[in-house]
C-alpha atoms as a PDB file:
ATOM      1  CA  MET A   1     -39.686  -2.480  14.945  1.00  0.00           C
ATOM      2  CA  ILE A   2     -36.325  -1.813  12.492  1.00  0.00           C
ATOM      3  CA  ARG A   3     -35.692  -2.323   8.912  1.00  0.00           C
ATOM      4  CA  TYR A   4     -32.196  -2.697   7.256  1.00  0.00           C
ATOM      5  CA  LYS A   5     -31.840  -1.890   4.463  1.00  0.00           C
ATOM      6  CA  SER A   6     -30.878  -4.789   2.021  1.00  0.00           C
ATOM      7  CA  CYS A   7     -28.730  -3.442  -0.988  1.00  0.00           C
ATOM      8  CA  ALA A   8     -28.556  -6.475  -2.782  1.00  0.00           C
ATOM      9  CA  GLY A   9     -29.902  -6.207  -6.663  1.00  0.00           C
ATOM     10  CA  ALA A  10     -30.761  -9.030  -8.854  1.00  0.00           C
ATOM     11  CA  VAL A  11     -28.322 -12.174  -9.735  1.00  0.00           C
ATOM     12  CA  GLY A  12     -25.580 -10.510 -11.696  1.00  0.00           C
ATOM     13  CA  ALA A  13     -26.410  -7.305 -11.154  1.00  0.00           C
ATOM     14  CA  LEU A  14     -23.893  -5.219  -9.131  1.00  0.00           C
ATOM     15  CA  VAL A  15     -24.237  -5.419  -5.366  1.00  0.00           C
ATOM     16  CA  HIS A  16     -23.039  -2.645  -2.905  1.00  0.00           C
ATOM     17  CA  GLN A  17     -22.633  -3.969   0.783  1.00  0.00           C
ATOM     18  CA  CYS A  18     -24.649  -1.944   3.326  1.00  0.00           C
ATOM     19  CA  ASP A  19     -23.515  -2.103   6.768  1.00  0.00           C
ATOM     20  CA  PRO A  20     -24.655  -0.221   9.166  1.00  0.00           C
ATOM     21  CA  CYS A  21     -22.921  -1.849  11.706  1.00  0.00           C
ATOM     22  CA  ASP A  22     -19.591  -1.788  10.023  1.00  0.00           C
ATOM     23  CA  THR A  23     -15.990  -0.352  11.732  1.00  0.00           C
ATOM     24  CA  PRO A  24     -14.525   2.335   9.060  1.00  0.00           C
ATOM     25  CA  GLU A  25     -11.366   2.323   8.265  1.00  0.00           C
ATOM     26  CA  LEU A  26      -8.757   4.945   9.353  1.00  0.00           C
ATOM     27  CA  GLY A  27      -6.741   7.096   7.247  1.00  0.00           C
ATOM     28  CA  ARG A  28      -3.123   7.391   6.999  1.00  0.00           C
ATOM     29  CA  VAL A  29      -0.530   6.065   5.285  1.00  0.00           C
ATOM     30  CA  ARG A  30       1.291   3.821   8.019  1.00  0.00           C
ATOM     31  CA  SER A  31       3.413   1.693   5.941  1.00  0.00           C
ATOM     32  CA  LEU A  32       4.649   1.287   2.553  1.00  0.00           C
ATOM     33  CA  VAL A  33       5.770  -2.336   1.140  1.00  0.00           C
ATOM     34  CA  LEU A  34       8.266  -1.917  -2.128  1.00  0.00           C
ATOM     35  CA  ILE A  35       7.993  -5.370  -4.180  1.00  0.00           C
ATOM     36  CA  LYS A  36      10.046  -6.453  -6.958  1.00  0.00           C
ATOM     37  CA  LYS A  37       8.369  -6.740 -10.232  1.00  0.00           C
ATOM     38  CA  GLY A  38       7.134  -9.695 -11.285  1.00  0.00           C
ATOM     39  CA  THR A  39       6.946 -10.774  -7.689  1.00  0.00           C
ATOM     40  CA  ALA A  40       3.765 -13.050  -7.369  1.00  0.00           C
ATOM     41  CA  ILE A  41       1.160 -11.612  -4.361  1.00  0.00           C
ATOM     42  CA  LYS A  42      -1.720 -13.397  -3.137  1.00  0.00           C
ATOM     43  CA  LEU A  43      -4.675 -12.336  -1.403  1.00  0.00           C
ATOM     44  CA  PRO A  44      -5.559 -12.842   1.597  1.00  0.00           C
ATOM     45  CA  PHE A  45      -1.518 -12.461   2.145  1.00  0.00           C
ATOM     46  CA  GLU A  46      -0.085 -15.095   3.781  1.00  0.00           C
ATOM     47  CA  ALA A  47       2.604 -14.935   6.601  1.00  0.00           C
ATOM     48  CA  GLU A  48       5.146 -17.647   5.371  1.00  0.00           C
ATOM     49  CA  GLU A  49       5.075 -16.519   1.292  1.00  0.00           C
ATOM     50  CA  TRP A  50       5.310 -12.668   2.789  1.00  0.00           C
ATOM     51  CA  ARG A  51       8.545 -14.046   4.881  1.00  0.00           C
ATOM     52  CA  ASN A  52      10.478 -16.164   1.850  1.00  0.00           C
ATOM     53  CA  ALA A  53       9.857 -13.080  -0.400  1.00  0.00           C
ATOM     54  CA  ILE A  54      11.363 -10.706   2.069  1.00  0.00           C
ATOM     55  CA  GLU A  55      14.210 -12.856   3.006  1.00  0.00           C
ATOM     56  CA  SER A  56      15.253 -13.307  -0.807  1.00  0.00           C
ATOM     57  CA  GLY A  57      14.924  -9.259  -1.204  1.00  0.00           C
ATOM     58  CA  GLN A  58      11.885  -9.358  -3.591  1.00  0.00           C
ATOM     59  CA  ILE A  59       9.386  -7.290  -0.341  1.00  0.00           C
ATOM     60  CA  VAL A  60      11.228  -4.342   0.993  1.00  0.00           C
ATOM     61  CA  ILE A  61       8.812  -3.095   4.100  1.00  0.00           C
ATOM     62  CA  ILE A  62       8.897   0.422   5.215  1.00  0.00           C
ATOM     63  CA  PRO A  63       7.522  -0.162   8.075  1.00  0.00           C
ATOM     64  CA  LYS A  64       6.720   3.191   9.880  1.00  0.00           C
ATOM     65  CA  THR A  65       5.209   5.854   7.374  1.00  0.00           C
ATOM     66  CA  VAL A  66       3.190   8.682   7.204  1.00  0.00           C
ATOM     67  CA  GLY A  67       1.537  10.006   3.950  1.00  0.00           C
ATOM     68  CA  SER A  68      -1.759   9.928   1.749  1.00  0.00           C
ATOM     69  CA  PHE A  69      -3.045   8.403  -1.012  1.00  0.00           C
ATOM     70  CA  ASP A  70      -4.667  10.307  -3.401  1.00  0.00           C
ATOM     71  CA  GLY A  71      -7.542   8.099  -4.840  1.00  0.00           C
ATOM     72  CA  GLY A  72      -6.789   8.621  -8.446  1.00  0.00           C
ATOM     73  CA  THR A  73      -7.541  11.637 -10.919  1.00  0.00           C
ATOM     74  CA  PRO A  74      -9.158   9.930 -14.151  1.00  0.00           C
ATOM     75  CA  LYS A  75      -7.199  10.165 -17.150  1.00  0.00           C
ATOM     76  CA  VAL A  76      -9.617  10.186 -20.124  1.00  0.00           C
ATOM     77  CA  GLY A  77      -9.501   9.708 -24.754  1.00  0.00           C
ATOM     78  CA  ASP A  78     -11.371  10.078 -27.401  1.00  0.00           C
ATOM     79  CA  GLY A  79     -15.083   8.365 -27.141  1.00  0.00           C
ATOM     80  CA  TYR A  80     -16.351   6.728 -30.121  1.00  0.00           C
ATOM     81  CA  GLY A  81     -20.575   6.858 -31.714  1.00  0.00           C
ATOM     82  CA  ASP A  82     -22.112   8.565 -29.194  1.00  0.00           C
ATOM     83  CA  GLU A  83     -19.193   9.236 -26.118  1.00  0.00           C
ATOM     84  CA  GLN A  84     -18.049  12.241 -25.909  1.00  0.00           C
ATOM     85  CA  GLU A  85     -15.453  10.324 -24.017  1.00  0.00           C
ATOM     86  CA  ARG A  86     -14.245   7.711 -22.310  1.00  0.00           C
ATOM     87  CA  LYS A  87     -12.595   7.184 -18.838  1.00  0.00           C
ATOM     88  CA  LEU A  88      -9.085   5.254 -19.772  1.00  0.00           C
ATOM     89  CA  GLY A  89      -7.807   4.340 -16.150  1.00  0.00           C
ATOM     90  CA  ASP A  90      -6.359   6.668 -13.310  1.00  0.00           C
ATOM     91  CA  ASP A  91      -3.421   8.025 -12.581  1.00  0.00           C
ATOM     92  CA  TYR A  92      -2.266   7.805  -8.932  1.00  0.00           C
ATOM     93  CA  ILE A  93      -0.190   9.221  -6.722  1.00  0.00           C
ATOM     94  CA  LEU A  94       1.118   7.455  -3.115  1.00  0.00           C
ATOM     95  CA  SER A  95       2.975  10.330  -0.572  1.00  0.00           C
ATOM     96  CA  VAL A  96       4.952   8.954   2.036  1.00  0.00           C
ATOM     97  CA  LYS A  97       7.428  10.192   4.439  1.00  0.00           C
ATOM     98  CA  ASP A  98      10.505   7.965   5.812  1.00  0.00           C
ATOM     99  CA  PRO A  99      11.486   8.957   9.333  1.00  0.00           C
ATOM    100  CA  ASN A 100      14.517   6.919   8.774  1.00  0.00           C
ATOM    101  CA  TYR A 101      16.171   9.667   7.270  1.00  0.00           C
ATOM    102  CA  LYS A 102      20.573   8.421   8.142  1.00  0.00           C
ATOM    103  CA  ASN A 103      21.847   5.831   6.431  1.00  0.00           C
ATOM    104  CA  ASN A 104      18.962   5.432   3.623  1.00  0.00           C
ATOM    105  CA  LYS A 105      20.437   7.821   0.743  1.00  0.00           C
ATOM    106  CA  ASP A 106      21.853   4.499  -0.779  1.00  0.00           C
ATOM    107  CA  PHE A 107      18.693   2.282  -0.595  1.00  0.00           C
ATOM    108  CA  TRP A 108      16.548   5.142  -1.654  1.00  0.00           C
ATOM    109  CA  GLN A 109      18.768   6.252  -4.902  1.00  0.00           C
ATOM    110  CA  ALA A 110      19.142   2.372  -5.896  1.00  0.00           C
ATOM    111  CA  ALA A 111      14.539   2.459  -5.453  1.00  0.00           C
ATOM    112  CA  GLU A 112      14.479   5.034  -7.825  1.00  0.00           C
ATOM    113  CA  GLY A 113      16.284   2.861 -10.464  1.00  0.00           C
ATOM    114  CA  GLU A 114      13.892   0.135  -9.922  1.00  0.00           C
ATOM    115  CA  VAL A 115       9.992  -0.844 -11.552  1.00  0.00           C
ATOM    116  CA  TRP A 116       8.305  -2.060  -8.231  1.00  0.00           C
ATOM    117  CA  ASN A 117       4.354  -2.937  -7.217  1.00  0.00           C
ATOM    118  CA  VAL A 118       3.875  -1.536  -3.722  1.00  0.00           C
ATOM    119  CA  ALA A 119       1.329  -2.584  -0.978  1.00  0.00           C
ATOM    120  CA  PHE A 120       0.748   0.670   1.363  1.00  0.00           C
ATOM    121  CA  ARG A 121      -1.012   0.042   4.890  1.00  0.00           C
ATOM    122  CA  SER A 122      -4.003   1.775   6.655  1.00  0.00           C
ATOM    123  CA  GLU A 123      -4.969   1.346  10.011  1.00  0.00           C
ATOM    124  CA  THR A 124      -6.230  -2.145   9.143  1.00  0.00           C
ATOM    125  CA  MET A 125      -6.156  -3.154   5.481  1.00  0.00           C
ATOM    126  CA  LEU A 126      -3.081  -3.574   2.750  1.00  0.00           C
ATOM    127  CA  HIS A 127      -3.674  -1.650  -0.632  1.00  0.00           C
ATOM    128  CA  TYR A 128      -2.182  -3.661  -3.307  1.00  0.00           C
ATOM    129  CA  VAL A 129      -0.695  -1.911  -6.342  1.00  0.00           C
ATOM    130  CA  LYS A 130      -0.564  -4.396  -9.014  1.00  0.00           C
ATOM    131  CA  ALA A 131       0.616  -1.619 -12.192  1.00  0.00           C
ATOM    132  CA  ASP A 132       4.399  -0.802 -12.932  1.00  0.00           C
ATOM    133  CA  CYS A 133       5.065   2.168 -10.789  1.00  0.00           C
ATOM    134  CA  LYS A 134       8.436   4.368 -10.470  1.00  0.00           C
ATOM    135  CA  LEU A 135       8.956   6.645  -7.370  1.00  0.00           C
ATOM    136  CA  THR A 136      10.994   9.502  -6.319  1.00  0.00           C
ATOM    137  CA  ALA A 137      12.698  10.248  -3.290  1.00  0.00           C
ATOM    138  CA  LYS A 138      14.545  13.339  -1.478  1.00  0.00           C
ATOM    139  CA  ALA A 139      14.824  14.412   1.659  1.00  0.00           C
ATOM    140  CA  PRO A 140      14.686  18.580   2.222  1.00  0.00           C
ATOM    141  CA  ILE A 141      16.009  20.534   4.737  1.00  0.00           C
ATOM    142  CA  GLU A 142      13.754  23.293   5.796  1.00  0.00           C
ATOM    143  CA  GLU A 143      15.246  26.372   7.761  1.00  0.00           C
ATOM    144  CA  GLY A 144      13.806  25.738  11.946  1.00  0.00           C
ATOM    145  CA  LEU A 145      15.996  24.655  13.909  1.00  0.00           C
ATOM    146  CA  ASP A 146      13.660  21.731  15.347  1.00  0.00           C
ATOM    147  CA  THR A 147      12.080  20.186  11.838  1.00  0.00           C
ATOM    148  CA  ARG A 148      13.420  17.203  11.461  1.00  0.00           C
ATOM    149  CA  VAL A 149      14.526  15.712   8.257  1.00  0.00           C
ATOM    150  CA  VAL A 150      12.897  12.854   6.364  1.00  0.00           C
ATOM    151  CA  TRP A 151      12.743  10.897   2.797  1.00  0.00           C
ATOM    152  CA  ASN A 152       9.723  12.274   1.250  1.00  0.00           C
ATOM    153  CA  ILE A 153       8.586   9.758  -1.192  1.00  0.00           C
ATOM    154  CA  GLU A 154       6.232   9.954  -4.047  1.00  0.00           C
ATOM    155  CA  VAL A 155       5.251   7.027  -5.899  1.00  0.00           C
ATOM    156  CA  LYS A 156       3.530   6.913  -9.126  1.00  0.00           C
ATOM    157  CA  TRP A 157       1.099   4.841 -11.890  1.00  0.00           C
ATOM    158  CA  PHE A 158      -1.213   4.292 -14.167  1.00  0.00           C
ATOM    159  CA  SER A 159      -3.818   1.482 -13.803  1.00  0.00           C
ATOM    160  CA  SER A 160      -7.343   0.858 -15.290  1.00  0.00           C
ATOM    161  CA  THR A 161      -7.996  -0.969 -12.288  1.00  0.00           C
ATOM    162  CA  LYS A 162      -7.971   0.668  -8.156  1.00  0.00           C
ATOM    163  CA  PRO A 163      -5.659  -1.208  -5.704  1.00  0.00           C
ATOM    164  CA  GLU A 164      -6.644  -4.192  -4.588  1.00  0.00           C
ATOM    165  CA  ALA A 165      -7.070  -4.212  -0.634  1.00  0.00           C
ATOM    166  CA  SER A 166      -7.064  -7.349   2.278  1.00  0.00           C
ATOM    167  CA  GLU A 167      -6.903  -7.438   6.162  1.00  0.00           C
ATOM    168  CA  VAL A 168      -3.205  -6.817   6.792  1.00  0.00           C
ATOM    169  CA  GLU A 169      -3.677  -8.795  10.211  1.00  0.00           C
ATOM    170  CA  PRO A 170      -2.288 -12.281   8.744  1.00  0.00           C
ATOM    171  CA  ILE A 171       1.271 -10.558   8.073  1.00  0.00           C
ATOM    172  CA  ARG A 172       0.848  -7.637  10.653  1.00  0.00           C
ATOM    173  CA  GLU A 173       4.075  -8.676  12.835  1.00  0.00           C
ATOM    174  CA  LEU A 174       6.219  -8.157   9.827  1.00  0.00           C
ATOM    175  CA  PHE A 175       5.338  -4.229   9.597  1.00  0.00           C
ATOM    176  CA  SER A 176       7.709  -3.639  12.439  1.00  0.00           C
ATOM    177  CA  CYS A 177      11.438  -2.234  12.864  1.00  0.00           C
ATOM    178  CA  TYR A 178      12.160  -5.298  14.853  1.00  0.00           C
ATOM    179  CA  GLU A 179      11.870  -8.933  13.909  1.00  0.00           C
ATOM    180  CA  VAL A 180      10.354 -12.172  15.959  1.00  0.00           C
ATOM    181  CA  VAL A 181      12.875 -14.369  16.356  1.00  0.00           C
ATOM    182  CA  ASN A 182      12.914 -17.425  18.587  1.00  0.00           C
ATOM    183  CA  ASP A 183      15.482 -18.309  20.417  1.00  0.00           C
ATOM    184  CA  GLY A 184      14.402 -21.622  21.735  1.00  0.00           C
ATOM    185  CA  GLU A 185      14.536 -20.223  25.358  1.00  0.00           C
ATOM    186  CA  GLY A 186      11.537 -20.909  27.257  1.00  0.00           C
ATOM    187  CA  GLU A 187      10.555 -24.142  25.195  1.00  0.00           C
ATOM    188  CA  GLY A 188       9.925 -27.318  26.960  1.00  0.00           C
ATOM    189  CA  GLU A 189       9.392 -25.699  30.260  1.00  0.00           C
ATOM    190  CA  GLY A 190       6.586 -26.178  32.241  1.00  0.00           C
END
């Protein structure tokens, strides 16, 4: 007989989810999303809401990136009473590379001057940051003859809450370099 450990706690207690059959999430920051500050994003994600925000310029998706997220570095302040110190939140750094070097100088120059909310995609999840984020973009050129020139983007923020994550599936089609267009062909046939 096999018994599965239950991680459920008492009512109102903090509960950790245990699922021995769960498929692990795989890494790499595969896409970056710049969201203009003040743009409302709901979880779970809704494709129509995102399409409208993209068309109005409120959301910009950089669909193919490579990068990493540091997970946060605790920032502490003075403790009170018997506390030595207390956690105020975390400083976060998201580092990505955009392979689309040509013709994007003006885009990244303008993006550096804005305050953003961001989202970033791992394998199946989109991680959404509600905090104010600032980014820097640079395109170093290495001396190797076969090295590629890419934009190196660093996004920084401070927050007392961790990024929210939701399945990317409802909006996965938006993470493409090509727009999905229905040109009317094939309609009414059959």
